[in-house]
Each structure stands twice: as structure tokens, then as C-alpha cells.
């Protein structure tokens, strides 16, 4: 997001205004999130908040709604986010978009029937895992194990051994960007060789390269075009290589975070162009008026009146230490 703000301000800004983000770390903790959002609306009096982590959003959404401050989640995929209030509009597709595609691919394309689920016991993990289970069973598949692990846990042996004992032919993992690489590594180390599906939180090139052949069969989703589909994304990835000396992990989520600065730019320009003050209610009104945003990395993104976003789903499979595209799905 810093890169996007720098680029916007180096050009014409938001209709001549400089964007000046206030950045406060919630530490991905719900209570800290409530404190941060309360400060932002009560002390800083910001008109719009960009926020991540499903559990943090669930805890802090009431603060945004009471204060009529527009809240734009990115990098959070609990399907419940769409129902968290009049001032909460996700800019990121929720789990009922890509998890449904992952389940359908494993069931119909790979022909799997006995799935085990391993999920993080938080807002995103619980409800994302439920989406997978419901879709899998609706397609006639069987869930043979449904195991969880706690936030901040580092050893998932007990849950993984139960999964291994259930003899699945497929495993779905629904964690987050911090724990998913470790969960995948422990699954493989404990002898679970079946294909694994997970959403973009498991899009971790460094982990796949480190595991090599052990990562083969990991299928992840991406909710944004990659470098092969978009010259702008190719330049963005090169920017990571040049400035950070690595590939971006969870690349799709970083693209949404980056482009949310351009959503804010469009909202400011809309309100300034109609001589309306930059308030939370007006920010919300502008978002609904614009609807579809033309963004540098994502292309056209439509934020729907029902608080959802729909997207093409790109699937990638780990083979030989690299992610290889499987195709685009809707």
C-alpha cells in the first residue's frame, strides 16, 4: 500500500489531494483491533479504514458501524464479513468464491471422494472450512476428518495424525499466511502425501521451493491475475524482487492491498467532484455509486451492493519446487 500511495502522490494525487495513510498494527488480535479502530474513529476521525484479518474485522466492525465509518476489508475471507454491517464492504472475494472452486476441482477434476479438513480455529478458518465441507458433501463427497488447531500453535501433530488415520484421498487446509506453510510442512513430514488444497494464504513460493518434491500436489487459489496474465503484475513482482530481494508471499492478497489505495483515490475524487465532504456516510455513498473500479493490478473490480466481490479464480499447483498454473475458473 505504501508503494501505491507513493505512486499516487507522485502523480496528481487524489484529484490534487495527497493521500496520507495512518498505519496502526492490530497484531492480528481482535481486542487490539477494537482498540485501534476506536482510536481511528474517535481520535483521528478518519472517514475510511482499510483492515485485514477476519477475526479482527468481526470484533471491530460494530465500532465502524456505530460511528458510520466506511470499513474496507482486504486480505480477509470469512464469508460472514458480507453480513457485518452497513458500513463494512469487502474489497476482497470471500471464501464462498475460491473455496467452492477448490472443492469442485478436487472432486470433479481429480476424482477425489474422501476429504479431510484441517483448519485454524478462528473466524476465517472455521467459516472457510465449513464452506469446503458443505460444498464437498453437496457434491456427494465424504468428509472423513474435520480437525482444527489453535491460533499461535506451532505443533499440529495430534490433528494431523487423526487426519492420517482417517485415510483420506484429499486434504483441505484453511489456515492463514502465518501458519499455513508450517501446517503443510508438518503434513508432509508426518506422511500425509495426498493432494492438498488451500486458498491464497498458502501461496508461498519460498516454502514450496524449500520443500521441493514434498510440496508436489499442493493446489492453491489466487483471486488475482498473475505475472503471466498481466504486464502490470509482472512489473509489480519485479518491484518486490528489486526492493525486497524475494518473491512476494501470498501475492494475490498483496495485490488487493496495493489496489485498495486506488479505491480510496477514486472515492476522494468522486466526493470532491460533487462538492461533498469526506465523511464516512459520503465515502459509503461514493463506493456504491462507483461500483466498479478500474485498478492497476486487478483490472476491473466490482464491489456489490450486497457487500460481496466476485472474481475469476486462478488455480496453481506445486510441482518440482514451483507453482505452475492449472487454469482460470469461475
C-alpha atoms as a PDB file:
ATOM      1  CA  UNK A   1       0.000   0.000   0.000  1.00  0.00           C
ATOM      2  CA  UNK A   2       2.927   2.340   0.688  1.00  0.00           C
ATOM      3  CA  UNK A   3       4.087   1.814  -2.897  1.00  0.00           C
ATOM      4  CA  UNK A   4       0.617   2.625  -4.228  1.00  0.00           C
ATOM      5  CA  UNK A   5       0.314   5.775  -2.106  1.00  0.00           C
ATOM      6  CA  UNK A   6       3.788   6.910  -3.213  1.00  0.00           C
ATOM      7  CA  UNK A   7       2.843   6.404  -6.856  1.00  0.00           C
ATOM      8  CA  UNK A   8      -0.473   8.232  -6.469  1.00  0.00           C
ATOM      9  CA  UNK A   9       1.084  11.181  -4.657  1.00  0.00           C
ATOM     10  CA  UNK A  10       3.982  11.371  -7.139  1.00  0.00           C
ATOM     11  CA  UNK A  11       1.447  11.854  -9.930  1.00  0.00           C
ATOM     12  CA  UNK A  12      -1.567  14.111  -9.310  1.00  0.00           C
ATOM     13  CA  UNK A  13      -2.651  12.638  -6.005  1.00  0.00           C
ATOM     14  CA  UNK A  14      -6.347  12.072  -5.455  1.00  0.00           C
ATOM     15  CA  UNK A  15      -7.711  14.928  -7.523  1.00  0.00           C
ATOM     16  CA  UNK A  16      -4.922  17.143  -6.251  1.00  0.00           C
ATOM     17  CA  UNK A  17      -5.023  15.886  -2.664  1.00  0.00           C
ATOM     18  CA  UNK A  18      -2.168  13.893  -1.173  1.00  0.00           C
ATOM     19  CA  UNK A  19      -3.136  10.612   0.422  1.00  0.00           C
ATOM     20  CA  UNK A  20      -1.857  10.452   3.995  1.00  0.00           C
ATOM     21  CA  UNK A  21      -2.441   6.994   5.489  1.00  0.00           C
ATOM     22  CA  UNK A  22      -2.432   6.437   9.234  1.00  0.00           C
ATOM     23  CA  UNK A  23      -0.974   2.952   9.786  1.00  0.00           C
ATOM     24  CA  UNK A  24      -1.502   1.124  13.091  1.00  0.00           C
ATOM     25  CA  UNK A  25      -0.737  -2.568  13.650  1.00  0.00           C
ATOM     26  CA  UNK A  26      -3.600  -4.648  15.081  1.00  0.00           C
ATOM     27  CA  UNK A  27      -1.165  -7.584  15.527  1.00  0.00           C
ATOM     28  CA  UNK A  28      -3.996  -9.714  14.061  1.00  0.00           C
ATOM     29  CA  UNK A  29      -5.570  -9.667  17.543  1.00  0.00           C
ATOM     30  CA  UNK A  30      -9.321  -8.960  17.822  1.00  0.00           C
ATOM     31  CA  UNK A  31      -9.116  -6.910  21.044  1.00  0.00           C
ATOM     32  CA  UNK A  32      -6.219  -4.854  19.703  1.00  0.00           C
ATOM     33  CA  UNK A  33      -8.249  -4.329  16.544  1.00  0.00           C
ATOM     34  CA  UNK A  34     -11.137  -2.899  18.546  1.00  0.00           C
ATOM     35  CA  UNK A  35      -8.741  -0.501  20.311  1.00  0.00           C
ATOM     36  CA  UNK A  36      -7.140   0.578  17.034  1.00  0.00           C
ATOM     37  CA  UNK A  37     -10.440   1.154  15.229  1.00  0.00           C
ATOM     38  CA  UNK A  38     -11.842   3.025  18.234  1.00  0.00           C
ATOM     39  CA  UNK A  39      -8.829   5.349  18.189  1.00  0.00           C
ATOM     40  CA  UNK A  40      -9.163   5.871  14.442  1.00  0.00           C
ATOM     41  CA  UNK A  41     -12.833   6.866  14.589  1.00  0.00           C
ATOM     42  CA  UNK A  42     -12.823   8.712  17.928  1.00  0.00           C
ATOM     43  CA  UNK A  43      -9.443  10.451  17.982  1.00  0.00           C
ATOM     44  CA  UNK A  44      -8.175  10.555  14.400  1.00  0.00           C
ATOM     45  CA  UNK A  45     -11.707  10.810  12.931  1.00  0.00           C
ATOM     46  CA  UNK A  46     -10.797   9.078   9.695  1.00  0.00           C
ATOM     47  CA  UNK A  47     -13.623   8.624   7.133  1.00  0.00           C
ATOM     48  CA  UNK A  48     -12.457   5.200   5.875  1.00  0.00           C
ATOM     49  CA  UNK A  49     -10.488   2.294   7.348  1.00  0.00           C
ATOM     50  CA  UNK A  50      -8.701  -0.439   5.365  1.00  0.00           C
ATOM     51  CA  UNK A  51      -8.333  -3.522   7.535  1.00  0.00           C
ATOM     52  CA  UNK A  52      -7.251  -7.162   7.432  1.00  0.00           C
ATOM     53  CA  UNK A  53      -7.761 -10.434   9.353  1.00  0.00           C
ATOM     54  CA  UNK A  54     -11.277 -11.865   9.602  1.00  0.00           C
ATOM     55  CA  UNK A  55     -11.275 -12.162  13.400  1.00  0.00           C
ATOM     56  CA  UNK A  56     -10.157  -8.542  13.770  1.00  0.00           C
ATOM     57  CA  UNK A  57     -12.887  -7.370  11.394  1.00  0.00           C
ATOM     58  CA  UNK A  58     -15.573  -9.361  13.223  1.00  0.00           C
ATOM     59  CA  UNK A  59     -14.580  -7.734  16.520  1.00  0.00           C
ATOM     60  CA  UNK A  60     -14.182  -4.167  15.266  1.00  0.00           C
ATOM     61  CA  UNK A  61     -16.996  -3.906  12.691  1.00  0.00           C
ATOM     62  CA  UNK A  62     -19.533  -2.748  15.338  1.00  0.00           C
ATOM     63  CA  UNK A  63     -17.279   0.240  16.097  1.00  0.00           C
ATOM     64  CA  UNK A  64     -17.206   1.223  12.422  1.00  0.00           C
ATOM     65  CA  UNK A  65     -20.960   0.808  12.055  1.00  0.00           C
ATOM     66  CA  UNK A  66     -21.788   2.850  15.160  1.00  0.00           C
ATOM     67  CA  UNK A  67     -19.527   5.686  14.057  1.00  0.00           C
ATOM     68  CA  UNK A  68     -20.620   5.461  10.406  1.00  0.00           C
ATOM     69  CA  UNK A  69     -17.036   4.983   9.227  1.00  0.00           C
ATOM     70  CA  UNK A  70     -16.558   3.081   5.981  1.00  0.00           C
ATOM     71  CA  UNK A  71     -14.570  -0.107   6.614  1.00  0.00           C
ATOM     72  CA  UNK A  72     -12.963  -1.864   3.634  1.00  0.00           C
ATOM     73  CA  UNK A  73     -11.600  -5.339   4.475  1.00  0.00           C
ATOM     74  CA  UNK A  74      -8.771  -6.750   2.373  1.00  0.00           C
ATOM     75  CA  UNK A  75      -6.863  -9.963   2.972  1.00  0.00           C
ATOM     76  CA  UNK A  76      -9.747 -11.497   4.963  1.00  0.00           C
ATOM     77  CA  UNK A  77     -12.110 -14.141   3.648  1.00  0.00           C
ATOM     78  CA  UNK A  78     -14.632 -15.218   6.282  1.00  0.00           C
ATOM     79  CA  UNK A  79     -17.979 -15.442   4.442  1.00  0.00           C
ATOM     80  CA  UNK A  80     -19.599 -13.726   7.428  1.00  0.00           C
ATOM     81  CA  UNK A  81     -17.905 -10.428   6.503  1.00  0.00           C
ATOM     82  CA  UNK A  82     -20.648  -9.737   3.950  1.00  0.00           C
ATOM     83  CA  UNK A  83     -23.148  -9.530   6.807  1.00  0.00           C
ATOM     84  CA  UNK A  84     -21.151  -7.459   9.303  1.00  0.00           C
ATOM     85  CA  UNK A  85     -22.987  -4.193   8.819  1.00  0.00           C
ATOM     86  CA  UNK A  86     -23.981  -1.295   6.582  1.00  0.00           C
ATOM     87  CA  UNK A  87     -20.506   0.253   6.665  1.00  0.00           C
ATOM     88  CA  UNK A  88     -18.455  -2.905   6.002  1.00  0.00           C
ATOM     89  CA  UNK A  89     -17.783  -3.529   2.293  1.00  0.00           C
ATOM     90  CA  UNK A  90     -15.127  -6.073   1.410  1.00  0.00           C
ATOM     91  CA  UNK A  91     -12.790  -5.367  -1.496  1.00  0.00           C
ATOM     92  CA  UNK A  92     -11.576  -8.983  -1.338  1.00  0.00           C
ATOM     93  CA  UNK A  93     -13.568 -12.038  -2.510  1.00  0.00           C
ATOM     94  CA  UNK A  94     -14.726 -14.162   0.411  1.00  0.00           C
ATOM     95  CA  UNK A  95     -14.308 -17.906   0.910  1.00  0.00           C
ATOM     96  CA  UNK A  96     -17.503 -18.794  -0.902  1.00  0.00           C
ATOM     97  CA  UNK A  97     -15.733 -17.761  -4.134  1.00  0.00           C
ATOM     98  CA  UNK A  98     -12.430 -19.645  -4.297  1.00  0.00           C
ATOM     99  CA  UNK A  99     -13.030 -22.415  -1.742  1.00  0.00           C
ATOM    100  CA  UNK A 100     -16.034 -23.565  -3.775  1.00  0.00           C
ATOM    101  CA  UNK A 101     -13.827 -23.732  -6.877  1.00  0.00           C
ATOM    102  CA  UNK A 102     -11.124 -25.660  -4.989  1.00  0.00           C
ATOM    103  CA  UNK A 103     -13.656 -28.218  -3.747  1.00  0.00           C
ATOM    104  CA  UNK A 104     -15.159 -28.617  -7.210  1.00  0.00           C
ATOM    105  CA  UNK A 105     -11.735 -29.065  -8.800  1.00  0.00           C
ATOM    106  CA  UNK A 106     -10.672 -31.756  -6.320  1.00  0.00           C
ATOM    107  CA  UNK A 107     -13.998 -33.580  -6.517  1.00  0.00           C
ATOM    108  CA  UNK A 108     -14.672 -33.371 -10.254  1.00  0.00           C
ATOM    109  CA  UNK A 109     -11.286 -32.907 -11.946  1.00  0.00           C
ATOM    110  CA  UNK A 110      -9.172 -35.029  -9.601  1.00  0.00           C
ATOM    111  CA  UNK A 111     -11.962 -37.504  -8.826  1.00  0.00           C
ATOM    112  CA  UNK A 112     -11.407 -37.442  -5.053  1.00  0.00           C
ATOM    113  CA  UNK A 113     -14.174 -38.616  -2.706  1.00  0.00           C
ATOM    114  CA  UNK A 114     -12.784 -38.858   0.857  1.00  0.00           C
ATOM    115  CA  UNK A 115     -11.611 -35.469   2.112  1.00  0.00           C
ATOM    116  CA  UNK A 116     -10.070 -34.465   5.424  1.00  0.00           C
ATOM    117  CA  UNK A 117     -10.112 -30.842   6.570  1.00  0.00           C
ATOM    118  CA  UNK A 118      -7.514 -29.116   8.748  1.00  0.00           C
ATOM    119  CA  UNK A 119      -8.357 -25.556   9.771  1.00  0.00           C
ATOM    120  CA  UNK A 120      -7.278 -22.742  12.024  1.00  0.00           C
ATOM    121  CA  UNK A 121      -9.705 -22.225  14.896  1.00  0.00           C
ATOM    122  CA  UNK A 122     -10.526 -18.585  14.201  1.00  0.00           C
ATOM    123  CA  UNK A 123     -13.079 -16.568  12.212  1.00  0.00           C
ATOM    124  CA  UNK A 124     -11.524 -17.219   8.815  1.00  0.00           C
ATOM    125  CA  UNK A 125     -10.552 -20.834   9.403  1.00  0.00           C
ATOM    126  CA  UNK A 126     -13.820 -22.002  10.947  1.00  0.00           C
ATOM    127  CA  UNK A 127     -16.138 -20.489   8.366  1.00  0.00           C
ATOM    128  CA  UNK A 128     -13.865 -21.131   5.378  1.00  0.00           C
ATOM    129  CA  UNK A 129     -13.607 -24.804   6.384  1.00  0.00           C
ATOM    130  CA  UNK A 130     -17.389 -25.001   6.673  1.00  0.00           C
ATOM    131  CA  UNK A 131     -17.740 -23.710   3.117  1.00  0.00           C
ATOM    132  CA  UNK A 132     -15.468 -26.518   1.890  1.00  0.00           C
ATOM    133  CA  UNK A 133     -17.316 -29.174   3.886  1.00  0.00           C
ATOM    134  CA  UNK A 134     -20.749 -28.033   2.716  1.00  0.00           C
ATOM    135  CA  UNK A 135     -19.712 -27.922  -0.941  1.00  0.00           C
ATOM    136  CA  UNK A 136     -17.885 -31.259  -0.754  1.00  0.00           C
ATOM    137  CA  UNK A 137     -20.848 -33.053   0.775  1.00  0.00           C
ATOM    138  CA  UNK A 138     -23.262 -31.372  -1.651  1.00  0.00           C
ATOM    139  CA  UNK A 139     -21.245 -32.955  -4.487  1.00  0.00           C
ATOM    140  CA  UNK A 140     -21.547 -36.409  -2.918  1.00  0.00           C
ATOM    141  CA  UNK A 141     -18.134 -36.491  -1.263  1.00  0.00           C
ATOM    142  CA  UNK A 142     -17.401 -37.698   2.263  1.00  0.00           C
ATOM    143  CA  UNK A 143     -15.625 -35.740   4.990  1.00  0.00           C
ATOM    144  CA  UNK A 144     -13.629 -38.355   6.916  1.00  0.00           C
ATOM    145  CA  UNK A 145     -11.901 -35.952   9.354  1.00  0.00           C
ATOM    146  CA  UNK A 146     -12.512 -32.355  10.397  1.00  0.00           C
ATOM    147  CA  UNK A 147      -9.681 -31.155  12.649  1.00  0.00           C
ATOM    148  CA  UNK A 148      -8.584 -27.755  13.955  1.00  0.00           C
ATOM    149  CA  UNK A 149      -5.567 -26.114  15.566  1.00  0.00           C
ATOM    150  CA  UNK A 150      -5.391 -23.017  17.729  1.00  0.00           C
ATOM    151  CA  UNK A 151      -4.001 -19.609  16.748  1.00  0.00           C
ATOM    152  CA  UNK A 152      -0.318 -19.280  17.638  1.00  0.00           C
ATOM    153  CA  UNK A 153       0.088 -23.062  17.852  1.00  0.00           C
ATOM    154  CA  UNK A 154       3.287 -24.383  16.301  1.00  0.00           C
ATOM    155  CA  UNK A 155       2.777 -28.151  16.575  1.00  0.00           C
ATOM    156  CA  UNK A 156      -0.185 -29.705  14.761  1.00  0.00           C
ATOM    157  CA  UNK A 157       0.845 -33.334  15.289  1.00  0.00           C
ATOM    158  CA  UNK A 158      -2.336 -34.504  17.071  1.00  0.00           C
ATOM    159  CA  UNK A 159      -4.701 -33.162  14.414  1.00  0.00           C
ATOM    160  CA  UNK A 160      -2.514 -34.404  11.557  1.00  0.00           C
ATOM    161  CA  UNK A 161      -2.242 -37.924  12.975  1.00  0.00           C
ATOM    162  CA  UNK A 162      -6.042 -38.086  13.171  1.00  0.00           C
ATOM    163  CA  UNK A 163      -6.208 -36.988   9.552  1.00  0.00           C
ATOM    164  CA  UNK A 164      -3.665 -39.598   8.505  1.00  0.00           C
ATOM    165  CA  UNK A 165      -5.581 -42.302  10.363  1.00  0.00           C
ATOM    166  CA  UNK A 166      -8.813 -41.374   8.563  1.00  0.00           C
ATOM    167  CA  UNK A 167      -7.228 -42.456   5.257  1.00  0.00           C
ATOM    168  CA  UNK A 168      -8.432 -39.560   3.073  1.00  0.00           C
ATOM    169  CA  UNK A 169      -7.677 -39.248  -0.614  1.00  0.00           C
ATOM    170  CA  UNK A 170      -7.634 -35.467  -0.338  1.00  0.00           C
ATOM    171  CA  UNK A 171      -6.844 -32.825   2.323  1.00  0.00           C
ATOM    172  CA  UNK A 172      -8.106 -29.253   2.506  1.00  0.00           C
ATOM    173  CA  UNK A 173      -6.186 -26.773   4.658  1.00  0.00           C
ATOM    174  CA  UNK A 174      -7.734 -23.481   5.760  1.00  0.00           C
ATOM    175  CA  UNK A 175      -5.209 -21.538   7.786  1.00  0.00           C
ATOM    176  CA  UNK A 176      -3.659 -18.126   7.333  1.00  0.00           C
ATOM    177  CA  UNK A 177      -0.472 -16.798   5.787  1.00  0.00           C
ATOM    178  CA  UNK A 178       1.482 -17.205   9.019  1.00  0.00           C
ATOM    179  CA  UNK A 179       0.667 -20.812   9.873  1.00  0.00           C
ATOM    180  CA  UNK A 180      -0.192 -22.453   6.525  1.00  0.00           C
ATOM    181  CA  UNK A 181       3.435 -23.092   5.453  1.00  0.00           C
ATOM    182  CA  UNK A 182       4.189 -24.800   8.757  1.00  0.00           C
ATOM    183  CA  UNK A 183       0.989 -26.863   8.576  1.00  0.00           C
ATOM    184  CA  UNK A 184       1.844 -28.043   5.058  1.00  0.00           C
ATOM    185  CA  UNK A 185       5.379 -28.931   6.088  1.00  0.00           C
ATOM    186  CA  UNK A 186       4.151 -30.951   9.088  1.00  0.00           C
ATOM    187  CA  UNK A 187       1.514 -32.738   6.986  1.00  0.00           C
ATOM    188  CA  UNK A 188       4.236 -33.918   4.629  1.00  0.00           C
ATOM    189  CA  UNK A 189       6.715 -34.738   7.400  1.00  0.00           C
ATOM    190  CA  UNK A 190       4.095 -36.908   9.125  1.00  0.00           C
ATOM    191  CA  UNK A 191       3.453 -38.902   5.977  1.00  0.00           C
ATOM    192  CA  UNK A 192       0.344 -37.260   4.514  1.00  0.00           C
ATOM    193  CA  UNK A 193       1.133 -37.480   0.784  1.00  0.00           C
ATOM    194  CA  UNK A 194      -2.356 -36.843  -0.585  1.00  0.00           C
ATOM    195  CA  UNK A 195      -3.108 -33.725  -2.661  1.00  0.00           C
ATOM    196  CA  UNK A 196      -3.730 -30.634  -0.535  1.00  0.00           C
ATOM    197  CA  UNK A 197      -5.917 -27.689  -1.476  1.00  0.00           C
ATOM    198  CA  UNK A 198      -5.752 -24.304   0.200  1.00  0.00           C
ATOM    199  CA  UNK A 199      -6.608 -20.719  -0.627  1.00  0.00           C
ATOM    200  CA  UNK A 200      -4.085 -17.976  -1.364  1.00  0.00           C
ATOM    201  CA  UNK A 201      -2.731 -17.950   2.221  1.00  0.00           C
ATOM    202  CA  UNK A 202      -0.675 -20.980   1.165  1.00  0.00           C
ATOM    203  CA  UNK A 203       0.690 -19.183  -1.910  1.00  0.00           C
ATOM    204  CA  UNK A 204       4.252 -19.233  -0.587  1.00  0.00           C
ATOM    205  CA  UNK A 205       6.967 -19.683  -3.250  1.00  0.00           C
ATOM    206  CA  UNK A 206       9.778 -19.826  -0.684  1.00  0.00           C
ATOM    207  CA  UNK A 207       8.069 -22.657   1.199  1.00  0.00           C
ATOM    208  CA  UNK A 208       7.390 -24.627  -1.995  1.00  0.00           C
ATOM    209  CA  UNK A 209      10.975 -24.208  -3.138  1.00  0.00           C
ATOM    210  CA  UNK A 210      12.270 -25.352   0.270  1.00  0.00           C
ATOM    211  CA  UNK A 211      10.034 -28.440   0.382  1.00  0.00           C
ATOM    212  CA  UNK A 212      10.739 -29.368  -3.225  1.00  0.00           C
ATOM    213  CA  UNK A 213       9.041 -32.634  -4.179  1.00  0.00           C
ATOM    214  CA  UNK A 214       7.343 -32.839  -0.760  1.00  0.00           C
ATOM    215  CA  UNK A 215       5.126 -29.929  -1.821  1.00  0.00           C
ATOM    216  CA  UNK A 216       4.013 -31.671  -5.016  1.00  0.00           C
ATOM    217  CA  UNK A 217       0.236 -31.880  -5.141  1.00  0.00           C
ATOM    218  CA  UNK A 218      -0.391 -28.650  -3.234  1.00  0.00           C
ATOM    219  CA  UNK A 219      -3.078 -26.694  -5.103  1.00  0.00           C
ATOM    220  CA  UNK A 220      -3.668 -23.072  -4.141  1.00  0.00           C
ATOM    221  CA  UNK A 221      -6.105 -20.472  -5.371  1.00  0.00           C
ATOM    222  CA  UNK A 222      -5.362 -16.953  -6.498  1.00  0.00           C
ATOM    223  CA  UNK A 223      -8.056 -14.314  -6.797  1.00  0.00           C
ATOM    224  CA  UNK A 224      -5.987 -12.018  -8.998  1.00  0.00           C
ATOM    225  CA  UNK A 225      -4.149 -12.304 -12.303  1.00  0.00           C
ATOM    226  CA  UNK A 226      -0.502 -13.280 -12.047  1.00  0.00           C
ATOM    227  CA  UNK A 227       2.611 -12.077 -13.840  1.00  0.00           C
ATOM    228  CA  UNK A 228       1.860 -14.336 -16.807  1.00  0.00           C
ATOM    229  CA  UNK A 229      -1.562 -12.743 -17.311  1.00  0.00           C
ATOM    230  CA  UNK A 230      -0.688  -9.094 -16.664  1.00  0.00           C
ATOM    231  CA  UNK A 231       2.366  -6.959 -17.561  1.00  0.00           C
ATOM    232  CA  UNK A 232       1.458  -4.651 -14.643  1.00  0.00           C
ATOM    233  CA  UNK A 233       1.637  -7.583 -12.217  1.00  0.00           C
ATOM    234  CA  UNK A 234       4.938  -8.693 -13.778  1.00  0.00           C
ATOM    235  CA  UNK A 235       6.363  -5.223 -13.050  1.00  0.00           C
ATOM    236  CA  UNK A 236       4.927  -5.381  -9.534  1.00  0.00           C
ATOM    237  CA  UNK A 237       6.607  -8.741  -8.858  1.00  0.00           C
ATOM    238  CA  UNK A 238       9.870  -7.337 -10.183  1.00  0.00           C
ATOM    239  CA  UNK A 239       9.487  -4.436  -7.768  1.00  0.00           C
ATOM    240  CA  UNK A 240       9.380  -6.964  -4.921  1.00  0.00           C
ATOM    241  CA  UNK A 241      12.488  -8.693  -6.238  1.00  0.00           C
ATOM    242  CA  UNK A 242      14.373  -5.422  -6.555  1.00  0.00           C
ATOM    243  CA  UNK A 243      13.385  -3.852  -3.238  1.00  0.00           C
ATOM    244  CA  UNK A 244      12.829  -6.916  -1.027  1.00  0.00           C
ATOM    245  CA  UNK A 245      15.128  -9.464  -2.697  1.00  0.00           C
ATOM    246  CA  UNK A 246      12.388 -12.087  -2.852  1.00  0.00           C
ATOM    247  CA  UNK A 247       9.137 -13.148  -4.449  1.00  0.00           C
ATOM    248  CA  UNK A 248       6.030 -11.881  -2.631  1.00  0.00           C
ATOM    249  CA  UNK A 249       4.315 -14.498  -0.484  1.00  0.00           C
ATOM    250  CA  UNK A 250       0.515 -14.532  -0.709  1.00  0.00           C
ATOM    251  CA  UNK A 251       0.902 -12.490  -3.897  1.00  0.00           C
ATOM    252  CA  UNK A 252      -2.860 -12.117  -4.618  1.00  0.00           C
ATOM    253  CA  UNK A 253      -3.614 -10.611  -1.197  1.00  0.00           C
ATOM    254  CA  UNK A 254      -0.792  -8.086  -1.599  1.00  0.00           C
ATOM    255  CA  UNK A 255      -2.271  -7.041  -4.950  1.00  0.00           C
ATOM    256  CA  UNK A 256      -5.615  -6.286  -3.290  1.00  0.00           C
ATOM    257  CA  UNK A 257      -3.921  -4.314  -0.510  1.00  0.00           C
ATOM    258  CA  UNK A 258      -1.967  -2.324  -3.098  1.00  0.00           C
ATOM    259  CA  UNK A 259      -5.005  -1.535  -5.239  1.00  0.00           C
ATOM    260  CA  UNK A 260      -7.196  -0.518  -2.296  1.00  0.00           C
ATOM    261  CA  UNK A 261      -5.248   2.764  -2.257  1.00  0.00           C
ATOM    262  CA  UNK A 262      -6.655   3.395  -5.747  1.00  0.00           C
ATOM    263  CA  UNK A 263     -10.170   2.682  -4.463  1.00  0.00           C
ATOM    264  CA  UNK A 264      -9.648   5.382  -1.824  1.00  0.00           C
ATOM    265  CA  UNK A 265      -8.333   7.707  -4.548  1.00  0.00           C
ATOM    266  CA  UNK A 266     -11.491   7.160  -6.604  1.00  0.00           C
ATOM    267  CA  UNK A 267     -13.759   7.793  -3.596  1.00  0.00           C
ATOM    268  CA  UNK A 268     -11.994  11.068  -2.761  1.00  0.00           C
ATOM    269  CA  UNK A 269     -12.165  12.256  -6.364  1.00  0.00           C
ATOM    270  CA  UNK A 270     -15.862  11.353  -6.579  1.00  0.00           C
ATOM    271  CA  UNK A 271     -16.729  13.346  -3.481  1.00  0.00           C
ATOM    272  CA  UNK A 272     -14.554  16.328  -4.353  1.00  0.00           C
ATOM    273  CA  UNK A 273     -16.068  16.373  -7.836  1.00  0.00           C
ATOM    274  CA  UNK A 274     -19.563  16.707  -6.381  1.00  0.00           C
ATOM    275  CA  UNK A 275     -18.564  19.087  -3.569  1.00  0.00           C
ATOM    276  CA  UNK A 276     -19.350  16.628  -0.795  1.00  0.00           C
ATOM    277  CA  UNK A 277     -17.249  16.482   2.390  1.00  0.00           C
ATOM    278  CA  UNK A 278     -15.042  13.447   3.066  1.00  0.00           C
ATOM    279  CA  UNK A 279     -17.226  11.791   5.695  1.00  0.00           C
ATOM    280  CA  UNK A 280     -17.920   8.122   6.345  1.00  0.00           C
ATOM    281  CA  UNK A 281     -21.516   8.260   5.018  1.00  0.00           C
ATOM    282  CA  UNK A 282     -20.352  10.068   1.899  1.00  0.00           C
ATOM    283  CA  UNK A 283     -17.491   7.607   1.387  1.00  0.00           C
ATOM    284  CA  UNK A 284     -20.019   4.768   1.566  1.00  0.00           C
ATOM    285  CA  UNK A 285     -22.326   6.556  -0.887  1.00  0.00           C
ATOM    286  CA  UNK A 286     -19.449   7.143  -3.317  1.00  0.00           C
ATOM    287  CA  UNK A 287     -18.436   3.484  -3.154  1.00  0.00           C
ATOM    288  CA  UNK A 288     -21.964   2.370  -4.080  1.00  0.00           C
ATOM    289  CA  UNK A 289     -22.215   4.990  -6.837  1.00  0.00           C
ATOM    290  CA  UNK A 290     -18.962   3.917  -8.480  1.00  0.00           C
ATOM    291  CA  UNK A 291     -19.447   0.181  -8.012  1.00  0.00           C
ATOM    292  CA  UNK A 292     -16.803  -0.941 -10.498  1.00  0.00           C
ATOM    293  CA  UNK A 293     -13.258   0.345 -10.025  1.00  0.00           C
ATOM    294  CA  UNK A 294     -10.528   0.235 -12.666  1.00  0.00           C
ATOM    295  CA  UNK A 295      -7.392  -0.794 -10.787  1.00  0.00           C
ATOM    296  CA  UNK A 296      -3.750  -1.176 -11.870  1.00  0.00           C
ATOM    297  CA  UNK A 297      -3.107  -4.761 -10.718  1.00  0.00           C
ATOM    298  CA  UNK A 298      -6.598  -6.268 -10.504  1.00  0.00           C
ATOM    299  CA  UNK A 299      -8.245  -4.721 -13.557  1.00  0.00           C
ATOM    300  CA  UNK A 300     -11.951  -4.057 -13.098  1.00  0.00           C
ATOM    301  CA  UNK A 301     -13.169  -4.856  -9.577  1.00  0.00           C
ATOM    302  CA  UNK A 302     -16.873  -4.609  -8.729  1.00  0.00           C
ATOM    303  CA  UNK A 303     -17.903  -4.128  -5.108  1.00  0.00           C
ATOM    304  CA  UNK A 304     -21.521  -5.240  -4.961  1.00  0.00           C
ATOM    305  CA  UNK A 305     -24.370  -3.652  -3.026  1.00  0.00           C
ATOM    306  CA  UNK A 306     -24.720  -6.947  -1.102  1.00  0.00           C
ATOM    307  CA  UNK A 307     -21.210  -6.360   0.366  1.00  0.00           C
ATOM    308  CA  UNK A 308     -19.536  -9.052  -1.780  1.00  0.00           C
ATOM    309  CA  UNK A 309     -16.937  -9.187  -4.529  1.00  0.00           C
ATOM    310  CA  UNK A 310     -16.873 -11.781  -7.294  1.00  0.00           C
ATOM    311  CA  UNK A 311     -13.706 -12.782  -9.095  1.00  0.00           C
ATOM    312  CA  UNK A 312     -12.166 -15.209 -11.526  1.00  0.00           C
ATOM    313  CA  UNK A 313     -10.302 -17.901  -9.583  1.00  0.00           C
ATOM    314  CA  UNK A 314      -6.847 -18.935 -10.771  1.00  0.00           C
ATOM    315  CA  UNK A 315      -5.557 -22.302  -9.549  1.00  0.00           C
ATOM    316  CA  UNK A 316      -1.876 -23.186  -9.273  1.00  0.00           C
ATOM    317  CA  UNK A 317      -0.192 -26.490  -8.411  1.00  0.00           C
ATOM    318  CA  UNK A 318       3.191 -27.026  -6.799  1.00  0.00           C
ATOM    319  CA  UNK A 319       5.438 -29.249  -8.906  1.00  0.00           C
ATOM    320  CA  UNK A 320       9.198 -29.549  -8.645  1.00  0.00           C
ATOM    321  CA  UNK A 321       9.547 -26.662  -6.214  1.00  0.00           C
ATOM    322  CA  UNK A 322       7.496 -24.192  -8.259  1.00  0.00           C
ATOM    323  CA  UNK A 323       3.890 -23.152  -8.700  1.00  0.00           C
ATOM    324  CA  UNK A 324       2.502 -23.953 -12.141  1.00  0.00           C
ATOM    325  CA  UNK A 325      -0.843 -22.613 -13.420  1.00  0.00           C
ATOM    326  CA  UNK A 326      -3.754 -25.045 -13.767  1.00  0.00           C
ATOM    327  CA  UNK A 327      -6.176 -22.553 -15.327  1.00  0.00           C
ATOM    328  CA  UNK A 328      -8.825 -19.927 -14.610  1.00  0.00           C
ATOM    329  CA  UNK A 329     -12.240 -20.875 -13.212  1.00  0.00           C
ATOM    330  CA  UNK A 330     -15.490 -19.130 -12.312  1.00  0.00           C
END
